[in-house]
Structures are given as C-alpha cells and as structure tokens.
Amino acid sequence: MATITATDSTLDQIIRDNRVVLVDFWAPWCGPCRMMGPILDQLAREVENEAVIAKINVDENPFAAVRHQIRGIPTMKLFVGGIEIATFVGVQPLQKLKSAILQYAG
C-alpha cells in the first residue's frame, strides 16, 4: 500500500482506526521532507500489512501540526493503539523506521 494523505479532519480517525501508524509531518518546500518521500513510499510497501504510513502537509493542515507540537519538519510520529510512542526528526534511514514499526506489529 502507498502512503496515505491525512488532513486536519482525518488524522485522528486514521490514528484511531489503525493499530500502528507512522505520521509524516511535512511541507512541499522542505528539501529534507522531499528526501523522505521515496523512503516513506518504500516503507509503506514493506510494512503494508503491519502499519499505515500517513503524510500530512503542515502548511495546509496547521491544526494537526500545532496539536502534535511539531517544531520542525520533517517530523515523523509513531502511534500504536492511538498513543504516541516515538518521534523522529529530520531525514531518517528506512531501516530505522521499519525497525521501530515492526517492534509493535503483529
């Protein structure tokens, strides 16, 4: 499965409806965010049965960014059972994110 796009109005439901969710807070003008795009697409394919990878544009969805205390982008937050478990700031290697997700999969 590819990454899914979240909005201010859908993010909470995505987190609630899926056991493991990695949310990428990003913006199109952000170079490191664009670098994370292909990594997250690959991650989504590799963990498609274990987790949902959601992307939310902070320029278009400022309320989610404020509510989740996003100070810089890219920031990825890992939610398990609706609870924030981990935060990753900046460009991250695929394997690091995949390992974090697989700890909670199954």
PDB file of N, CA and C in Angstrom:
ATOM      1  N   MET A   1       0.852  -1.185   0.000  1.00  0.00           N
ATOM      2  CA  MET A   1       0.000   0.000   0.000  1.00  0.00           C
ATOM      3  C   MET A   1       0.890   1.238   0.000  1.00  0.00           C
ATOM      4  N   ALA A   2       0.464   2.247  -0.695  1.00  0.00           N
ATOM      5  CA  ALA A   2       1.199   3.507  -0.732  1.00  0.00           C
ATOM      6  C   ALA A   2       0.916   4.298   0.547  1.00  0.00           C
ATOM      7  N   THR A   3       1.648   5.382   0.701  1.00  0.00           N
ATOM      8  CA  THR A   3       1.353   6.277   1.816  1.00  0.00           C
ATOM      9  C   THR A   3      -0.032   6.863   1.600  1.00  0.00           C
ATOM     10  N   ILE A   4      -0.684   7.248   2.690  1.00  0.00           N
ATOM     11  CA  ILE A   4      -1.983   7.894   2.579  1.00  0.00           C
ATOM     12  C   ILE A   4      -1.852   9.344   3.013  1.00  0.00           C
ATOM     13  N   THR A   5      -2.712  10.180   2.486  1.00  0.00           N
ATOM     14  CA  THR A   5      -2.691  11.597   2.813  1.00  0.00           C
ATOM     15  C   THR A   5      -3.701  11.870   3.917  1.00  0.00           C
ATOM     16  N   ALA A   6      -3.228  12.501   4.973  1.00  0.00           N
ATOM     17  CA  ALA A   6      -4.094  12.872   6.093  1.00  0.00           C
ATOM     18  C   ALA A   6      -4.340  14.378   6.053  1.00  0.00           C
ATOM     19  N   THR A   7      -5.412  14.796   6.725  1.00  0.00           N
ATOM     20  CA  THR A   7      -5.735  16.220   6.857  1.00  0.00           C
ATOM     21  C   THR A   7      -6.064  16.496   8.320  1.00  0.00           C
ATOM     22  N   ASP A   8      -6.254  17.775   8.629  1.00  0.00           N
ATOM     23  CA  ASP A   8      -6.664  18.134   9.985  1.00  0.00           C
ATOM     24  C   ASP A   8      -7.905  17.339  10.399  1.00  0.00           C
ATOM     25  N   SER A   9      -8.818  17.127   9.465  1.00  0.00           N
ATOM     26  CA  SER A   9     -10.078  16.478   9.819  1.00  0.00           C
ATOM     27  C   SER A   9     -10.013  14.948   9.796  1.00  0.00           C
ATOM     28  N   THR A  10      -8.991  14.353   9.158  1.00  0.00           N
ATOM     29  CA  THR A  10      -8.938  12.889   9.084  1.00  0.00           C
ATOM     30  C   THR A  10      -7.849  12.253   9.936  1.00  0.00           C
ATOM     31  N   LEU A  11      -6.883  13.022  10.398  1.00  0.00           N
ATOM     32  CA  LEU A  11      -5.729  12.442  11.090  1.00  0.00           C
ATOM     33  C   LEU A  11      -6.114  11.629  12.324  1.00  0.00           C
ATOM     34  N   ASP A  12      -6.966  12.191  13.173  1.00  0.00           N
ATOM     35  CA  ASP A  12      -7.336  11.473  14.404  1.00  0.00           C
ATOM     36  C   ASP A  12      -7.997  10.136  14.094  1.00  0.00           C
ATOM     37  N   GLN A  13      -8.841  10.123  13.076  1.00  0.00           N
ATOM     38  CA  GLN A  13      -9.523   8.873  12.729  1.00  0.00           C
ATOM     39  C   GLN A  13      -8.540   7.843  12.174  1.00  0.00           C
ATOM     40  N   ILE A  14      -7.577   8.283  11.371  1.00  0.00           N
ATOM     41  CA  ILE A  14      -6.560   7.364  10.847  1.00  0.00           C
ATOM     42  C   ILE A  14      -5.784   6.742  12.009  1.00  0.00           C
ATOM     43  N   ILE A  15      -5.405   7.561  12.980  1.00  0.00           N
ATOM     44  CA  ILE A  15      -4.659   7.062  14.142  1.00  0.00           C
ATOM     45  C   ILE A  15      -5.526   6.109  14.959  1.00  0.00           C
ATOM     46  N   ARG A  16      -6.802   6.444  15.105  1.00  0.00           N
ATOM     47  CA  ARG A  16      -7.731   5.611  15.894  1.00  0.00           C
ATOM     48  C   ARG A  16      -8.039   4.281  15.213  1.00  0.00           C
ATOM     49  N   ASP A  17      -8.188   4.306  13.893  1.00  0.00           N
ATOM     50  CA  ASP A  17      -8.665   3.134  13.157  1.00  0.00           C
ATOM     51  C   ASP A  17      -7.581   2.118  12.820  1.00  0.00           C
ATOM     52  N   ASN A  18      -6.318   2.464  13.043  1.00  0.00           N
ATOM     53  CA  ASN A  18      -5.217   1.565  12.693  1.00  0.00           C
ATOM     54  C   ASN A  18      -4.325   1.365  13.910  1.00  0.00           C
ATOM     55  N   ARG A  19      -3.922   0.124  14.145  1.00  0.00           N
ATOM     56  CA  ARG A  19      -3.130  -0.181  15.336  1.00  0.00           C
ATOM     57  C   ARG A  19      -1.784   0.539  15.343  1.00  0.00           C
ATOM     58  N   VAL A  20      -1.071   0.508  14.200  1.00  0.00           N
ATOM     59  CA  VAL A  20       0.248   1.139  14.108  1.00  0.00           C
ATOM     60  C   VAL A  20       0.221   2.141  12.953  1.00  0.00           C
ATOM     61  N   VAL A  21       0.537   3.400  13.271  1.00  0.00           N
ATOM     62  CA  VAL A  21       0.524   4.465  12.264  1.00  0.00           C
ATOM     63  C   VAL A  21       1.781   5.319  12.424  1.00  0.00           C
ATOM     64  N   LEU A  22       2.490   5.524  11.319  1.00  0.00           N
ATOM     65  CA  LEU A  22       3.593   6.483  11.297  1.00  0.00           C
ATOM     66  C   LEU A  22       3.089   7.693  10.520  1.00  0.00           C
ATOM     67  N   VAL A  23       3.104   8.862  11.165  1.00  0.00           N
ATOM     68  CA  VAL A  23       2.623  10.091  10.531  1.00  0.00           C
ATOM     69  C   VAL A  23       3.818  10.979  10.211  1.00  0.00           C
ATOM     70  N   ASP A  24       3.918  11.362   8.953  1.00  0.00           N
ATOM     71  CA  ASP A  24       4.966  12.261   8.484  1.00  0.00           C
ATOM     72  C   ASP A  24       4.384  13.663   8.374  1.00  0.00           C
ATOM     73  N   PHE A  25       4.901  14.583   9.182  1.00  0.00           N
ATOM     74  CA  PHE A  25       4.524  15.992   9.110  1.00  0.00           C
ATOM     75  C   PHE A  25       5.542  16.660   8.185  1.00  0.00           C
ATOM     76  N   TRP A  26       5.076  17.220   7.061  1.00  0.00           N
ATOM     77  CA  TRP A  26       5.977  17.709   6.024  1.00  0.00           C
ATOM     78  C   TRP A  26       5.397  18.924   5.316  1.00  0.00           C
ATOM     79  N   ALA A  27       6.190  19.500   4.408  1.00  0.00           N
ATOM     80  CA  ALA A  27       5.724  20.584   3.528  1.00  0.00           C
ATOM     81  C   ALA A  27       6.469  20.468   2.202  1.00  0.00           C
ATOM     82  N   PRO A  28       5.818  20.867   1.106  1.00  0.00           N
ATOM     83  CA  PRO A  28       6.434  20.693  -0.210  1.00  0.00           C
ATOM     84  C   PRO A  28       7.698  21.524  -0.438  1.00  0.00           C
ATOM     85  N   TRP A  29       7.858  22.637   0.268  1.00  0.00           N
ATOM     86  CA  TRP A  29       9.029  23.498   0.087  1.00  0.00           C
ATOM     87  C   TRP A  29      10.245  23.003   0.866  1.00  0.00           C
ATOM     88  N   CYS A  30      10.078  21.972   1.675  1.00  0.00           N
ATOM     89  CA  CYS A  30      11.123  21.479   2.582  1.00  0.00           C
ATOM     90  C   CYS A  30      11.963  20.410   1.880  1.00  0.00           C
ATOM     91  N   GLY A  31      13.236  20.717   1.616  1.00  0.00           N
ATOM     92  CA  GLY A  31      14.127  19.783   0.936  1.00  0.00           C
ATOM     93  C   GLY A  31      14.243  18.435   1.641  1.00  0.00           C
ATOM     94  N   PRO A  32      14.557  18.418   2.947  1.00  0.00           N
ATOM     95  CA  PRO A  32      14.639  17.134   3.652  1.00  0.00           C
ATOM     96  C   PRO A  32      13.313  16.355   3.628  1.00  0.00           C
ATOM     97  N   CYS A  33      12.192  17.086   3.615  1.00  0.00           N
ATOM     98  CA  CYS A  33      10.880  16.414   3.519  1.00  0.00           C
ATOM     99  C   CYS A  33      10.766  15.687   2.187  1.00  0.00           C
ATOM    100  N   ARG A  34      11.226  16.354   1.121  1.00  0.00           N
ATOM    101  CA  ARG A  34      11.171  15.726  -0.203  1.00  0.00           C
ATOM    102  C   ARG A  34      12.100  14.513  -0.258  1.00  0.00           C
ATOM    103  N   MET A  35      13.215  14.567   0.459  1.00  0.00           N
ATOM    104  CA  MET A  35      14.120  13.415   0.516  1.00  0.00           C
ATOM    105  C   MET A  35      13.441  12.226   1.201  1.00  0.00           C
ATOM    106  N   MET A  36      12.583  12.509   2.176  1.00  0.00           N
ATOM    107  CA  MET A  36      11.898  11.433   2.916  1.00  0.00           C
ATOM    108  C   MET A  36      10.792  10.785   2.086  1.00  0.00           C
ATOM    109  N   GLY A  37      10.277  11.477   1.078  1.00  0.00           N
ATOM    110  CA  GLY A  37       9.168  10.958   0.280  1.00  0.00           C
ATOM    111  C   GLY A  37       9.387   9.550  -0.243  1.00  0.00           C
ATOM    112  N   PRO A  38      10.466   9.307  -1.012  1.00  0.00           N
ATOM    113  CA  PRO A  38      10.688   7.952  -1.539  1.00  0.00           C
ATOM    114  C   PRO A  38      10.960   6.929  -0.437  1.00  0.00           C
ATOM    115  N   ILE A  39      11.598   7.359   0.643  1.00  0.00           N
ATOM    116  CA  ILE A  39      11.867   6.448   1.769  1.00  0.00           C
ATOM    117  C   ILE A  39      10.545   5.995   2.384  1.00  0.00           C
ATOM    118  N   LEU A  40       9.627   6.934   2.579  1.00  0.00           N
ATOM    119  CA  LEU A  40       8.335   6.588   3.166  1.00  0.00           C
ATOM    120  C   LEU A  40       7.482   5.761   2.216  1.00  0.00           C
ATOM    121  N   ASP A  41       7.593   6.029   0.915  1.00  0.00           N
ATOM    122  CA  ASP A  41       6.869   5.205  -0.059  1.00  0.00           C
ATOM    123  C   ASP A  41       7.356   3.762   0.002  1.00  0.00           C
ATOM    124  N   GLN A  42       8.674   3.584   0.076  1.00  0.00           N
ATOM    125  CA  GLN A  42       9.248   2.242   0.177  1.00  0.00           C
ATOM    126  C   GLN A  42       8.842   1.586   1.500  1.00  0.00           C
ATOM    127  N   LEU A  43       8.888   2.347   2.585  1.00  0.00           N
ATOM    128  CA  LEU A  43       8.494   1.837   3.894  1.00  0.00           C
ATOM    129  C   LEU A  43       7.041   1.366   3.865  1.00  0.00           C
ATOM    130  N   ALA A  44       6.175   2.158   3.237  1.00  0.00           N
ATOM    131  CA  ALA A  44       4.755   1.793   3.158  1.00  0.00           C
ATOM    132  C   ALA A  44       4.582   0.455   2.454  1.00  0.00           C
ATOM    133  N   ARG A  45       5.362   0.224   1.399  1.00  0.00           N
ATOM    134  CA  ARG A  45       5.273  -1.065   0.695  1.00  0.00           C
ATOM    135  C   ARG A  45       5.782  -2.210   1.574  1.00  0.00           C
ATOM    136  N   GLU A  46       6.850  -1.964   2.318  1.00  0.00           N
ATOM    137  CA  GLU A  46       7.474  -3.028   3.103  1.00  0.00           C
ATOM    138  C   GLU A  46       6.688  -3.395   4.360  1.00  0.00           C
ATOM    139  N   VAL A  47       5.912  -2.470   4.896  1.00  0.00           N
ATOM    140  CA  VAL A  47       5.167  -2.754   6.140  1.00  0.00           C
ATOM    141  C   VAL A  47       3.653  -2.686   5.921  1.00  0.00           C
ATOM    142  N   GLU A  48       3.220  -2.859   4.676  1.00  0.00           N
ATOM    143  CA  GLU A  48       1.806  -2.635   4.350  1.00  0.00           C
ATOM    144  C   GLU A  48       0.843  -3.485   5.162  1.00  0.00           C
ATOM    145  N   ASN A  49       1.245  -4.654   5.609  1.00  0.00           N
ATOM    146  CA  ASN A  49       0.354  -5.490   6.412  1.00  0.00           C
ATOM    147  C   ASN A  49       0.477  -5.213   7.908  1.00  0.00           C
ATOM    148  N   GLU A  50       1.442  -4.388   8.276  1.00  0.00           N
ATOM    149  CA  GLU A  50       1.734  -4.142   9.694  1.00  0.00           C
ATOM    150  C   GLU A  50       1.365  -2.738  10.164  1.00  0.00           C
ATOM    151  N   ALA A  51       1.399  -1.775   9.248  1.00  0.00           N
ATOM    152  CA  ALA A  51       1.236  -0.374   9.668  1.00  0.00           C
ATOM    153  C   ALA A  51       0.734   0.480   8.511  1.00  0.00           C
ATOM    154  N   VAL A  52       0.231   1.655   8.867  1.00  0.00           N
ATOM    155  CA  VAL A  52      -0.186   2.666   7.896  1.00  0.00           C
ATOM    156  C   VAL A  52       0.827   3.806   7.963  1.00  0.00           C
ATOM    157  N   ILE A  53       1.257   4.268   6.790  1.00  0.00           N
ATOM    158  CA  ILE A  53       2.147   5.426   6.715  1.00  0.00           C
ATOM    159  C   ILE A  53       1.312   6.579   6.174  1.00  0.00           C
ATOM    160  N   ALA A  54       1.139   7.613   6.995  1.00  0.00           N
ATOM    161  CA  ALA A  54       0.312   8.764   6.617  1.00  0.00           C
ATOM    162  C   ALA A  54       1.193  10.006   6.513  1.00  0.00           C
ATOM    163  N   LYS A  55       0.881  10.854   5.541  1.00  0.00           N
ATOM    164  CA  LYS A  55       1.596  12.112   5.368  1.00  0.00           C
ATOM    165  C   LYS A  55       0.608  13.256   5.543  1.00  0.00           C
ATOM    166  N   ILE A  56       1.042  14.293   6.273  1.00  0.00           N
ATOM    167  CA  ILE A  56       0.181  15.458   6.444  1.00  0.00           C
ATOM    168  C   ILE A  56       0.989  16.727   6.180  1.00  0.00           C
ATOM    169  N   ASN A  57       0.502  17.511   5.225  1.00  0.00           N
ATOM    170  CA  ASN A  57       1.153  18.756   4.838  1.00  0.00           C
ATOM    171  C   ASN A  57       0.836  19.807   5.909  1.00  0.00           C
ATOM    172  N   VAL A  58       1.874  20.273   6.605  1.00  0.00           N
ATOM    173  CA  VAL A  58       1.652  21.193   7.728  1.00  0.00           C
ATOM    174  C   VAL A  58       1.214  22.580   7.271  1.00  0.00           C
ATOM    175  N   ASP A  59       1.521  22.959   6.025  1.00  0.00           N
ATOM    176  CA  ASP A  59       1.063  24.250   5.516  1.00  0.00           C
ATOM    177  C   ASP A  59      -0.444  24.241   5.304  1.00  0.00           C
ATOM    178  N   GLU A  60      -0.960  23.116   4.815  1.00  0.00           N
ATOM    179  CA  GLU A  60      -2.395  23.008   4.538  1.00  0.00           C
ATOM    180  C   GLU A  60      -3.195  22.558   5.754  1.00  0.00           C
ATOM    181  N   ASN A  61      -2.518  22.004   6.763  1.00  0.00           N
ATOM    182  CA  ASN A  61      -3.185  21.434   7.941  1.00  0.00           C
ATOM    183  C   ASN A  61      -2.486  21.895   9.217  1.00  0.00           C
ATOM    184  N   PRO A  62      -2.580  23.202   9.523  1.00  0.00           N
ATOM    185  CA  PRO A  62      -1.823  23.741  10.657  1.00  0.00           C
ATOM    186  C   PRO A  62      -2.309  23.254  12.022  1.00  0.00           C
ATOM    187  N   PHE A  63      -3.579  22.871  12.143  1.00  0.00           N
ATOM    188  CA  PHE A  63      -4.090  22.476  13.462  1.00  0.00           C
ATOM    189  C   PHE A  63      -3.446  21.190  13.946  1.00  0.00           C
ATOM    190  N   ALA A  64      -3.268  20.230  13.050  1.00  0.00           N
ATOM    191  CA  ALA A  64      -2.618  18.968  13.431  1.00  0.00           C
ATOM    192  C   ALA A  64      -1.180  19.231  13.857  1.00  0.00           C
ATOM    193  N   ALA A  65      -0.488  20.108  13.147  1.00  0.00           N
ATOM    194  CA  ALA A  65       0.901  20.422  13.480  1.00  0.00           C
ATOM    195  C   ALA A  65       0.998  21.053  14.873  1.00  0.00           C
ATOM    196  N   VAL A  66       0.087  21.955  15.172  1.00  0.00           N
ATOM    197  CA  VAL A  66       0.086  22.591  16.496  1.00  0.00           C
ATOM    198  C   VAL A  66      -0.264  21.574  17.580  1.00  0.00           C
ATOM    199  N   ARG A  67      -1.298  20.786  17.338  1.00  0.00           N
ATOM    200  CA  ARG A  67      -1.743  19.823  18.342  1.00  0.00           C
ATOM    201  C   ARG A  67      -0.673  18.782  18.664  1.00  0.00           C
ATOM    202  N   HIS A  68       0.114  18.415  17.651  1.00  0.00           N
ATOM    203  CA  HIS A  68       1.155  17.401  17.866  1.00  0.00           C
ATOM    204  C   HIS A  68       2.518  18.035  18.130  1.00  0.00           C
ATOM    205  N   GLN A  69       2.523  19.348  18.383  1.00  0.00           N
ATOM    206  CA  GLN A  69       3.715  20.086  18.800  1.00  0.00           C
ATOM    207  C   GLN A  69       4.880  19.922  17.832  1.00  0.00           C
ATOM    208  N   ILE A  70       4.591  20.092  16.545  1.00  0.00           N
ATOM    209  CA  ILE A  70       5.621  19.993  15.524  1.00  0.00           C
ATOM    210  C   ILE A  70       6.422  21.296  15.508  1.00  0.00           C
ATOM    211  N   ARG A  71       7.708  21.191  15.780  1.00  0.00           N
ATOM    212  CA  ARG A  71       8.581  22.368  15.839  1.00  0.00           C
ATOM    213  C   ARG A  71       9.444  22.505  14.589  1.00  0.00           C
ATOM    214  N   GLY A  72       9.690  21.400  13.902  1.00  0.00           N
ATOM    215  CA  GLY A  72      10.500  21.405  12.688  1.00  0.00           C
ATOM    216  C   GLY A  72      10.052  20.257  11.811  1.00  0.00           C
ATOM    217  N   ILE A  73      10.356  20.374  10.523  1.00  0.00           N
ATOM    218  CA  ILE A  73       9.957  19.300   9.617  1.00  0.00           C
ATOM    219  C   ILE A  73      11.170  18.863   8.798  1.00  0.00           C
ATOM    220  N   PRO A  74      11.219  17.625   8.368  1.00  0.00           N
ATOM    221  CA  PRO A  74      10.203  16.599   8.601  1.00  0.00           C
ATOM    222  C   PRO A  74      10.256  16.062  10.027  1.00  0.00           C
ATOM    223  N   THR A  75       9.077  15.824  10.580  1.00  0.00           N
ATOM    224  CA  THR A  75       8.941  15.122  11.851  1.00  0.00           C
ATOM    225  C   THR A  75       7.989  13.959  11.620  1.00  0.00           C
ATOM    226  N   MET A  76       8.397  12.779  12.072  1.00  0.00           N
ATOM    227  CA  MET A  76       7.534  11.601  11.977  1.00  0.00           C
ATOM    228  C   MET A  76       7.197  11.138  13.383  1.00  0.00           C
ATOM    229  N   LYS A  77       5.926  10.851  13.599  1.00  0.00           N
ATOM    230  CA  LYS A  77       5.479  10.361  14.904  1.00  0.00           C
ATOM    231  C   LYS A  77       4.864   8.983  14.711  1.00  0.00           C
ATOM    232  N   LEU A  78       5.267   8.075  15.596  1.00  0.00           N
ATOM    233  CA  LEU A  78       4.764   6.707  15.560  1.00  0.00           C
ATOM    234  C   LEU A  78       3.691   6.548  16.634  1.00  0.00           C
ATOM    235  N   PHE A  79       2.509   6.112  16.200  1.00  0.00           N
ATOM    236  CA  PHE A  79       1.384   5.890  17.103  1.00  0.00           C
ATOM    237  C   PHE A  79       1.061   4.403  17.135  1.00  0.00           C
ATOM    238  N   VAL A  80       0.878   3.870  18.331  1.00  0.00           N
ATOM    239  CA  VAL A  80       0.474   2.469  18.493  1.00  0.00           C
ATOM    240  C   VAL A  80      -0.744   2.463  19.397  1.00  0.00           C
ATOM    241  N   GLY A  81      -1.837   1.890  18.906  1.00  0.00           N
ATOM    242  CA  GLY A  81      -3.074   1.882  19.680  1.00  0.00           C
ATOM    243  C   GLY A  81      -3.551   3.272  20.024  1.00  0.00           C
ATOM    244  N   GLY A  82      -3.283   4.239  19.151  1.00  0.00           N
ATOM    245  CA  GLY A  82      -3.728   5.614  19.361  1.00  0.00           C
ATOM    246  C   GLY A  82      -2.830   6.446  20.254  1.00  0.00           C
ATOM    247  N   ILE A  83      -1.744   5.853  20.751  1.00  0.00           N
ATOM    248  CA  ILE A  83      -0.843   6.554  21.675  1.00  0.00           C
ATOM    249  C   ILE A  83       0.485   6.832  20.976  1.00  0.00           C
ATOM    250  N   GLU A  84       0.993   8.057  21.132  1.00  0.00           N
ATOM    251  CA  GLU A  84       2.281   8.405  20.538  1.00  0.00           C
ATOM    252  C   GLU A  84       3.395   7.666  21.275  1.00  0.00           C
ATOM    253  N   ILE A  85       4.176   6.904  20.514  1.00  0.00           N
ATOM    254  CA  ILE A  85       5.232   6.067  21.088  1.00  0.00           C
ATOM    255  C   ILE A  85       6.619   6.637  20.835  1.00  0.00           C
ATOM    256  N   ALA A  86       6.827   7.230  19.640  1.00  0.00           N
ATOM    257  CA  ALA A  86       8.161   7.712  19.264  1.00  0.00           C
ATOM    258  C   ALA A  86       8.053   8.882  18.305  1.00  0.00           C
ATOM    259  N   THR A  87       9.103   9.703  18.301  1.00  0.00           N
ATOM    260  CA  THR A  87       9.205  10.839  17.389  1.00  0.00           C
ATOM    261  C   THR A  87      10.561  10.789  16.706  1.00  0.00           C
ATOM    262  N   PHE A  88      10.559  11.037  15.397  1.00  0.00           N
ATOM    263  CA  PHE A  88      11.794  11.079  14.617  1.00  0.00           C
ATOM    264  C   PHE A  88      11.825  12.422  13.899  1.00  0.00           C
ATOM    265  N   VAL A  89      12.922  13.168  14.055  1.00  0.00           N
ATOM    266  CA  VAL A  89      13.039  14.485  13.434  1.00  0.00           C
ATOM    267  C   VAL A  89      14.167  14.442  12.409  1.00  0.00           C
ATOM    268  N   GLY A  90      13.897  14.995  11.233  1.00  0.00           N
ATOM    269  CA  GLY A  90      14.898  15.032  10.183  1.00  0.00           C
ATOM    270  C   GLY A  90      14.844  13.783   9.319  1.00  0.00           C
ATOM    271  N   VAL A  91      15.732  13.734   8.340  1.00  0.00           N
ATOM    272  CA  VAL A  91      15.789  12.591   7.429  1.00  0.00           C
ATOM    273  C   VAL A  91      16.211  11.356   8.210  1.00  0.00           C
ATOM    274  N   GLN A  92      15.463  10.277   8.033  1.00  0.00           N
ATOM    275  CA  GLN A  92      15.709   9.032   8.759  1.00  0.00           C
ATOM    276  C   GLN A  92      15.933   7.894   7.775  1.00  0.00           C
ATOM    277  N   PRO A  93      16.817   6.950   8.131  1.00  0.00           N
ATOM    278  CA  PRO A  93      17.004   5.801   7.247  1.00  0.00           C
ATOM    279  C   PRO A  93      15.801   4.856   7.295  1.00  0.00           C
ATOM    280  N   LEU A  94      15.524   4.244   6.163  1.00  0.00           N
ATOM    281  CA  LEU A  94      14.409   3.311   6.044  1.00  0.00           C
ATOM    282  C   LEU A  94      14.443   2.261   7.151  1.00  0.00           C
ATOM    283  N   GLN A  95      15.600   1.667   7.375  1.00  0.00           N
ATOM    284  CA  GLN A  95      15.687   0.547   8.314  1.00  0.00           C
ATOM    285  C   GLN A  95      15.353   0.976   9.748  1.00  0.00           C
ATOM    286  N   LYS A  96      15.722   2.183  10.122  1.00  0.00           N
ATOM    287  CA  LYS A  96      15.421   2.675  11.478  1.00  0.00           C
ATOM    288  C   LYS A  96      13.909   2.778  11.689  1.00  0.00           C
ATOM    289  N   LEU A  97      13.223   3.353  10.704  1.00  0.00           N
ATOM    290  CA  LEU A  97      11.768   3.498  10.812  1.00  0.00           C
ATOM    291  C   LEU A  97      11.087   2.134  10.768  1.00  0.00           C
ATOM    292  N   LYS A  98      11.566   1.258   9.880  1.00  0.00           N
ATOM    293  CA  LYS A  98      10.974  -0.064   9.751  1.00  0.00           C
ATOM    294  C   LYS A  98      11.137  -0.854  11.055  1.00  0.00           C
ATOM    295  N   SER A  99      12.314  -0.796  11.653  1.00  0.00           N
ATOM    296  CA  SER A  99      12.547  -1.498  12.922  1.00  0.00           C
ATOM    297  C   SER A  99      11.630  -0.987  14.021  1.00  0.00           C
ATOM    298  N   ALA A 100      11.448   0.332  14.074  1.00  0.00           N
ATOM    299  CA  ALA A 100      10.570   0.930  15.095  1.00  0.00           C
ATOM    300  C   ALA A 100       9.147   0.423  14.916  1.00  0.00           C
ATOM    301  N   ILE A 101       8.688   0.361  13.672  1.00  0.00           N
ATOM    302  CA  ILE A 101       7.325  -0.094  13.397  1.00  0.00           C
ATOM    303  C   ILE A 101       7.162  -1.579  13.731  1.00  0.00           C
ATOM    304  N   LEU A 102       8.122  -2.382  13.315  1.00  0.00           N
ATOM    305  CA  LEU A 102       7.986  -3.838  13.467  1.00  0.00           C
ATOM    306  C   LEU A 102       8.031  -4.271  14.934  1.00  0.00           C
ATOM    307  N   GLN A 103       8.569  -3.434  15.812  1.00  0.00           N
ATOM    308  CA  GLN A 103       8.526  -3.737  17.252  1.00  0.00           C
ATOM    309  C   GLN A 103       7.097  -3.899  17.746  1.00  0.00           C
ATOM    310  N   TYR A 104       6.188  -3.165  17.111  1.00  0.00           N
ATOM    311  CA  TYR A 104       4.796  -3.107  17.587  1.00  0.00           C
ATOM    312  C   TYR A 104       3.830  -3.829  16.665  1.00  0.00           C
ATOM    313  N   ALA A 105       4.330  -4.414  15.594  1.00  0.00           N
ATOM    314  CA  ALA A 105       3.464  -5.069  14.609  1.00  0.00           C
ATOM    315  C   ALA A 105       2.999  -6.428  15.120  1.00  0.00           C
ATOM    316  N   GLY A 106       1.942  -6.881  14.483  1.00  0.00           N
ATOM    317  CA  GLY A 106       1.505  -8.256  14.751  1.00  0.00           C
ATOM    318  C   GLY A 106       0.367  -8.404  15.697  1.00  0.00           C
TER     319      GLY A 106
END
